[in-house]
């Protein structure tokens, strides 16, 4: 069982969507919201290695139908 104390925040510090619903990011310092804000940005898209390998196989003409 994990015990949450002021020295071990439940949510890590970082940029999160503003809790007021404003289209911006606000810095959570691990204990409270701060006045630090920045413009909202698009989420980063990640690609799986399987998708990349499949795309490379298709490009090389090695694609087989599933």
PDB file of N, CA and C in Angstrom:
ATOM      1  N   UNK A   1       0.837  -1.183   0.000  1.00  0.00           N
ATOM      2  CA  UNK A   1       0.000   0.000   0.000  1.00  0.00           C
ATOM      3  C   UNK A   1       0.881   1.245   0.000  1.00  0.00           C
ATOM      4  N   UNK A   2       0.535   2.210  -0.871  1.00  0.00           N
ATOM      5  CA  UNK A   2       1.298   3.439  -0.967  1.00  0.00           C
ATOM      6  C   UNK A   2       0.673   4.503  -0.071  1.00  0.00           C
ATOM      7  N   UNK A   3       1.500   5.145   0.714  1.00  0.00           N
ATOM      8  CA  UNK A   3       1.036   6.227   1.568  1.00  0.00           C
ATOM      9  C   UNK A   3       1.368   7.550   0.911  1.00  0.00           C
ATOM     10  N   UNK A   4       0.375   8.416   0.761  1.00  0.00           N
ATOM     11  CA  UNK A   4       0.587   9.731   0.158  1.00  0.00           C
ATOM     12  C   UNK A   4       0.822  10.747   1.272  1.00  0.00           C
ATOM     13  N   UNK A   5       1.939  11.419   1.205  1.00  0.00           N
ATOM     14  CA  UNK A   5       2.278  12.460   2.168  1.00  0.00           C
ATOM     15  C   UNK A   5       2.623  13.720   1.391  1.00  0.00           C
ATOM     16  N   UNK A   6       2.730  14.866   2.057  1.00  0.00           N
ATOM     17  CA  UNK A   6       3.117  16.089   1.322  1.00  0.00           C
ATOM     18  C   UNK A   6       4.445  15.959   0.584  1.00  0.00           C
ATOM     19  N   UNK A   7       5.325  15.087   1.032  1.00  0.00           N
ATOM     20  CA  UNK A   7       6.613  14.923   0.349  1.00  0.00           C
ATOM     21  C   UNK A   7       6.537  13.914  -0.791  1.00  0.00           C
ATOM     22  N   UNK A   8       5.410  13.197  -0.951  1.00  0.00           N
ATOM     23  CA  UNK A   8       5.247  12.252  -2.061  1.00  0.00           C
ATOM     24  C   UNK A   8       3.924  12.540  -2.755  1.00  0.00           C
ATOM     25  N   UNK A   9       3.923  13.486  -3.715  1.00  0.00           N
ATOM     26  CA  UNK A   9       2.683  13.892  -4.369  1.00  0.00           C
ATOM     27  C   UNK A   9       2.039  12.756  -5.158  1.00  0.00           C
ATOM     28  N   UNK A  10       0.716  12.752  -5.189  1.00  0.00           N
ATOM     29  CA  UNK A  10      -0.030  11.731  -5.919  1.00  0.00           C
ATOM     30  C   UNK A  10       0.077  11.936  -7.423  1.00  0.00           C
ATOM     31  N   UNK A  11       0.109  13.175  -7.856  1.00  0.00           N
ATOM     32  CA  UNK A  11       0.208  13.493  -9.277  1.00  0.00           C
ATOM     33  C   UNK A  11       1.546  14.179  -9.505  1.00  0.00           C
ATOM     34  N   UNK A  12       2.371  13.650 -10.403  1.00  0.00           N
ATOM     35  CA  UNK A  12       3.693  14.244 -10.623  1.00  0.00           C
ATOM     36  C   UNK A  12       3.604  15.669 -11.164  1.00  0.00           C
ATOM     37  N   UNK A  13       4.598  16.459 -10.857  1.00  0.00           N
ATOM     38  CA  UNK A  13       4.670  17.823 -11.369  1.00  0.00           C
ATOM     39  C   UNK A  13       4.731  17.792 -12.885  1.00  0.00           C
ATOM     40  N   UNK A  14       4.104  18.765 -13.514  1.00  0.00           N
ATOM     41  CA  UNK A  14       4.146  18.827 -14.968  1.00  0.00           C
ATOM     42  C   UNK A  14       3.106  19.771 -15.523  1.00  0.00           C
ATOM     43  N   UNK A  15       3.093  19.891 -16.850  1.00  0.00           N
ATOM     44  CA  UNK A  15       2.116  20.730 -17.544  1.00  0.00           C
ATOM     45  C   UNK A  15       0.861  19.916 -17.781  1.00  0.00           C
ATOM     46  N   UNK A  16      -0.282  20.478 -17.389  1.00  0.00           N
ATOM     47  CA  UNK A  16      -1.574  19.822 -17.563  1.00  0.00           C
ATOM     48  C   UNK A  16      -2.552  20.843 -18.111  1.00  0.00           C
ATOM     49  N   UNK A  17      -3.649  20.341 -18.689  1.00  0.00           N
ATOM     50  CA  UNK A  17      -4.693  21.251 -19.148  1.00  0.00           C
ATOM     51  C   UNK A  17      -5.217  22.042 -17.956  1.00  0.00           C
ATOM     52  N   UNK A  18      -5.479  23.312 -18.192  1.00  0.00           N
ATOM     53  CA  UNK A  18      -5.920  24.203 -17.122  1.00  0.00           C
ATOM     54  C   UNK A  18      -7.210  23.667 -16.491  1.00  0.00           C
ATOM     55  N   UNK A  19      -7.254  23.535 -15.163  1.00  0.00           N
ATOM     56  CA  UNK A  19      -8.441  22.997 -14.507  1.00  0.00           C
ATOM     57  C   UNK A  19      -9.651  23.924 -14.611  1.00  0.00           C
ATOM     58  N   UNK A  20      -9.447  25.171 -15.018  1.00  0.00           N
ATOM     59  CA  UNK A  20     -10.560  26.107 -15.175  1.00  0.00           C
ATOM     60  C   UNK A  20     -11.226  25.966 -16.538  1.00  0.00           C
ATOM     61  N   UNK A  21     -10.689  25.092 -17.394  1.00  0.00           N
ATOM     62  CA  UNK A  21     -11.258  24.880 -18.712  1.00  0.00           C
ATOM     63  C   UNK A  21     -10.779  25.874 -19.752  1.00  0.00           C
ATOM     64  N   UNK A  22      -9.844  26.720 -19.383  1.00  0.00           N
ATOM     65  CA  UNK A  22      -9.283  27.693 -20.320  1.00  0.00           C
ATOM     66  C   UNK A  22      -8.347  26.937 -21.276  1.00  0.00           C
ATOM     67  N   UNK A  23      -8.362  27.263 -22.577  1.00  0.00           N
ATOM     68  CA  UNK A  23      -7.516  26.527 -23.530  1.00  0.00           C
ATOM     69  C   UNK A  23      -6.033  26.885 -23.394  1.00  0.00           C
ATOM     70  N   UNK A  24      -5.438  26.446 -22.323  1.00  0.00           N
ATOM     71  CA  UNK A  24      -4.018  26.656 -22.050  1.00  0.00           C
ATOM     72  C   UNK A  24      -3.543  25.551 -21.126  1.00  0.00           C
ATOM     73  N   UNK A  25      -2.252  25.488 -20.925  1.00  0.00           N
ATOM     74  CA  UNK A  25      -1.674  24.536 -19.982  1.00  0.00           C
ATOM     75  C   UNK A  25      -1.265  25.300 -18.739  1.00  0.00           C
ATOM     76  N   UNK A  26      -1.382  24.625 -17.602  1.00  0.00           N
ATOM     77  CA  UNK A  26      -0.994  25.241 -16.332  1.00  0.00           C
ATOM     78  C   UNK A  26      -0.053  24.279 -15.622  1.00  0.00           C
ATOM     79  N   UNK A  27       0.967  24.818 -14.950  1.00  0.00           N
ATOM     80  CA  UNK A  27       1.962  24.002 -14.254  1.00  0.00           C
ATOM     81  C   UNK A  27       1.425  23.539 -12.906  1.00  0.00           C
ATOM     82  N   UNK A  28       1.449  22.217 -12.706  1.00  0.00           N
ATOM     83  CA  UNK A  28       1.137  21.591 -11.428  1.00  0.00           C
ATOM     84  C   UNK A  28       2.477  21.268 -10.789  1.00  0.00           C
ATOM     85  N   UNK A  29       2.755  21.815  -9.598  1.00  0.00           N
ATOM     86  CA  UNK A  29       4.071  21.624  -8.988  1.00  0.00           C
ATOM     87  C   UNK A  29       4.154  20.359  -8.138  1.00  0.00           C
ATOM     88  N   UNK A  30       3.145  19.535  -8.209  1.00  0.00           N
ATOM     89  CA  UNK A  30       3.119  18.305  -7.426  1.00  0.00           C
ATOM     90  C   UNK A  30       2.297  18.451  -6.155  1.00  0.00           C
ATOM     91  N   UNK A  31       2.001  19.697  -5.798  1.00  0.00           N
ATOM     92  CA  UNK A  31       1.211  19.956  -4.590  1.00  0.00           C
ATOM     93  C   UNK A  31       0.026  20.883  -4.882  1.00  0.00           C
ATOM     94  N   UNK A  32       0.220  21.821  -5.824  1.00  0.00           N
ATOM     95  CA  UNK A  32      -0.824  22.804  -6.117  1.00  0.00           C
ATOM     96  C   UNK A  32      -0.622  23.381  -7.509  1.00  0.00           C
ATOM     97  N   UNK A  33      -1.688  23.991  -8.067  1.00  0.00           N
ATOM     98  CA  UNK A  33      -1.583  24.693  -9.333  1.00  0.00           C
ATOM     99  C   UNK A  33      -0.809  25.979  -9.115  1.00  0.00           C
ATOM    100  N   UNK A  34       0.001  26.351 -10.095  1.00  0.00           N
ATOM    101  CA  UNK A  34       0.768  27.586 -10.009  1.00  0.00           C
ATOM    102  C   UNK A  34       0.199  28.609 -10.989  1.00  0.00           C
ATOM    103  N   UNK A  35       0.777  29.791 -11.026  1.00  0.00           N
ATOM    104  CA  UNK A  35       0.381  30.830 -11.983  1.00  0.00           C
ATOM    105  C   UNK A  35       1.123  30.694 -13.304  1.00  0.00           C
ATOM    106  N   UNK A  36       1.991  29.703 -13.425  1.00  0.00           N
ATOM    107  CA  UNK A  36       2.730  29.492 -14.678  1.00  0.00           C
ATOM    108  C   UNK A  36       1.799  28.871 -15.701  1.00  0.00           C
ATOM    109  N   UNK A  37       1.643  29.533 -16.846  1.00  0.00           N
ATOM    110  CA  UNK A  37       0.786  29.021 -17.913  1.00  0.00           C
ATOM    111  C   UNK A  37       1.547  29.073 -19.230  1.00  0.00           C
ATOM    112  N   UNK A  38       1.093  28.293 -20.191  1.00  0.00           N
ATOM    113  CA  UNK A  38       1.628  28.371 -21.544  1.00  0.00           C
ATOM    114  C   UNK A  38       0.535  27.973 -22.514  1.00  0.00           C
ATOM    115  N   UNK A  39       0.731  28.359 -23.751  1.00  0.00           N
ATOM    116  CA  UNK A  39      -0.252  28.083 -24.788  1.00  0.00           C
ATOM    117  C   UNK A  39      -0.481  26.585 -24.924  1.00  0.00           C
ATOM    118  N   UNK A  40      -1.741  26.216 -25.124  1.00  0.00           N
ATOM    119  CA  UNK A  40      -2.075  24.810 -25.335  1.00  0.00           C
ATOM    120  C   UNK A  40      -1.411  24.331 -26.621  1.00  0.00           C
ATOM    121  N   UNK A  41      -0.987  23.091 -26.640  1.00  0.00           N
ATOM    122  CA  UNK A  41      -0.333  22.544 -27.837  1.00  0.00           C
ATOM    123  C   UNK A  41      -0.958  21.197 -28.174  1.00  0.00           C
ATOM    124  N   UNK A  42      -0.807  20.832 -29.408  1.00  0.00           N
ATOM    125  CA  UNK A  42      -1.352  19.548 -29.850  1.00  0.00           C
ATOM    126  C   UNK A  42      -0.627  18.409 -29.151  1.00  0.00           C
ATOM    127  N   UNK A  43      -1.365  17.335 -28.896  1.00  0.00           N
ATOM    128  CA  UNK A  43      -0.747  16.181 -28.268  1.00  0.00           C
ATOM    129  C   UNK A  43       0.204  15.502 -29.244  1.00  0.00           C
ATOM    130  N   UNK A  44       1.259  14.933 -28.715  1.00  0.00           N
ATOM    131  CA  UNK A  44       2.251  14.242 -29.536  1.00  0.00           C
ATOM    132  C   UNK A  44       1.710  12.863 -29.909  1.00  0.00           C
ATOM    133  N   UNK A  45       1.772  12.555 -31.189  1.00  0.00           N
ATOM    134  CA  UNK A  45       1.343  11.245 -31.657  1.00  0.00           C
ATOM    135  C   UNK A  45       2.533  10.292 -31.629  1.00  0.00           C
ATOM    136  N   UNK A  46       2.337   9.132 -31.079  1.00  0.00           N
ATOM    137  CA  UNK A  46       3.404   8.131 -31.066  1.00  0.00           C
ATOM    138  C   UNK A  46       3.052   7.014 -32.033  1.00  0.00           C
ATOM    139  N   UNK A  47       4.044   6.379 -32.544  1.00  0.00           N
ATOM    140  CA  UNK A  47       3.862   5.307 -33.511  1.00  0.00           C
ATOM    141  C   UNK A  47       4.436   4.032 -32.917  1.00  0.00           C
ATOM    142  N   UNK A  48       3.718   2.950 -33.079  1.00  0.00           N
ATOM    143  CA  UNK A  48       4.219   1.669 -32.581  1.00  0.00           C
ATOM    144  C   UNK A  48       5.263   1.131 -33.562  1.00  0.00           C
ATOM    145  N   UNK A  49       6.168   0.340 -33.056  1.00  0.00           N
ATOM    146  CA  UNK A  49       7.204  -0.261 -33.909  1.00  0.00           C
ATOM    147  C   UNK A  49       6.578  -1.200 -34.932  1.00  0.00           C
ATOM    148  N   UNK A  50       5.454  -1.850 -34.579  1.00  0.00           N
ATOM    149  CA  UNK A  50       4.772  -2.726 -35.533  1.00  0.00           C
ATOM    150  C   UNK A  50       4.241  -1.927 -36.723  1.00  0.00           C
ATOM    151  N   UNK A  51       3.679  -0.755 -36.457  1.00  0.00           N
ATOM    152  CA  UNK A  51       3.175   0.094 -37.537  1.00  0.00           C
ATOM    153  C   UNK A  51       4.309   0.536 -38.439  1.00  0.00           C
ATOM    154  N   UNK A  52       5.425   0.929 -37.850  1.00  0.00           N
ATOM    155  CA  UNK A  52       6.580   1.378 -38.633  1.00  0.00           C
ATOM    156  C   UNK A  52       7.135   0.231 -39.469  1.00  0.00           C
ATOM    157  N   UNK A  53       7.299  -0.946 -38.856  1.00  0.00           N
ATOM    158  CA  UNK A  53       7.808  -2.105 -39.600  1.00  0.00           C
ATOM    159  C   UNK A  53       6.878  -2.479 -40.740  1.00  0.00           C
ATOM    160  N   UNK A  54       5.561  -2.432 -40.501  1.00  0.00           N
ATOM    161  CA  UNK A  54       4.590  -2.749 -41.538  1.00  0.00           C
ATOM    162  C   UNK A  54       4.698  -1.754 -42.689  1.00  0.00           C
ATOM    163  N   UNK A  55       4.840  -0.475 -42.359  1.00  0.00           N
ATOM    164  CA  UNK A  55       4.976   0.549 -43.401  1.00  0.00           C
ATOM    165  C   UNK A  55       6.248   0.339 -44.205  1.00  0.00           C
ATOM    166  N   UNK A  56       7.339  -0.023 -43.554  1.00  0.00           N
ATOM    167  CA  UNK A  56       8.593  -0.274 -44.265  1.00  0.00           C
ATOM    168  C   UNK A  56       8.480  -1.511 -45.152  1.00  0.00           C
ATOM    169  N   UNK A  57       7.801  -2.554 -44.661  1.00  0.00           N
ATOM    170  CA  UNK A  57       7.591  -3.756 -45.476  1.00  0.00           C
ATOM    171  C   UNK A  57       6.760  -3.441 -46.712  1.00  0.00           C
ATOM    172  N   UNK A  58       5.689  -2.654 -46.527  1.00  0.00           N
ATOM    173  CA  UNK A  58       4.856  -2.278 -47.683  1.00  0.00           C
ATOM    174  C   UNK A  58       5.671  -1.489 -48.692  1.00  0.00           C
ATOM    175  N   UNK A  59       6.495  -0.602 -48.196  1.00  0.00           N
ATOM    176  CA  UNK A  59       7.316   0.215 -49.084  1.00  0.00           C
ATOM    177  C   UNK A  59       8.286  -0.647 -49.874  1.00  0.00           C
ATOM    178  N   UNK A  60       8.785  -1.697 -49.239  1.00  0.00           N
ATOM    179  CA  UNK A  60       9.744  -2.592 -49.907  1.00  0.00           C
ATOM    180  C   UNK A  60       9.042  -3.696 -50.689  1.00  0.00           C
ATOM    181  N   UNK A  61       7.684  -3.685 -50.700  1.00  0.00           N
ATOM    182  CA  UNK A  61       6.945  -4.695 -51.445  1.00  0.00           C
ATOM    183  C   UNK A  61       6.867  -6.041 -50.742  1.00  0.00           C
ATOM    184  N   UNK A  62       7.105  -6.065 -49.434  1.00  0.00           N
ATOM    185  CA  UNK A  62       7.078  -7.324 -48.675  1.00  0.00           C
ATOM    186  C   UNK A  62       5.818  -7.497 -47.863  1.00  0.00           C
ATOM    187  N   UNK A  63       4.814  -6.676 -48.089  1.00  0.00           N
ATOM    188  CA  UNK A  63       3.594  -6.721 -47.286  1.00  0.00           C
ATOM    189  C   UNK A  63       2.772  -7.951 -47.634  1.00  0.00           C
ATOM    190  N   UNK A  64       2.331  -8.660 -46.639  1.00  0.00           N
ATOM    191  CA  UNK A  64       1.436  -9.813 -46.856  1.00  0.00           C
ATOM    192  C   UNK A  64       0.117  -9.502 -46.190  1.00  0.00           C
ATOM    193  N   UNK A  65      -0.974  -9.881 -46.830  1.00  0.00           N
ATOM    194  CA  UNK A  65      -2.300  -9.623 -46.271  1.00  0.00           C
ATOM    195  C   UNK A  65      -2.501 -10.459 -45.021  1.00  0.00           C
ATOM    196  N   UNK A  66      -3.150  -9.865 -44.034  1.00  0.00           N
ATOM    197  CA  UNK A  66      -3.387 -10.564 -42.764  1.00  0.00           C
ATOM    198  C   UNK A  66      -4.608 -11.423 -42.842  1.00  0.00           C
TER     199      UNK A  66
END
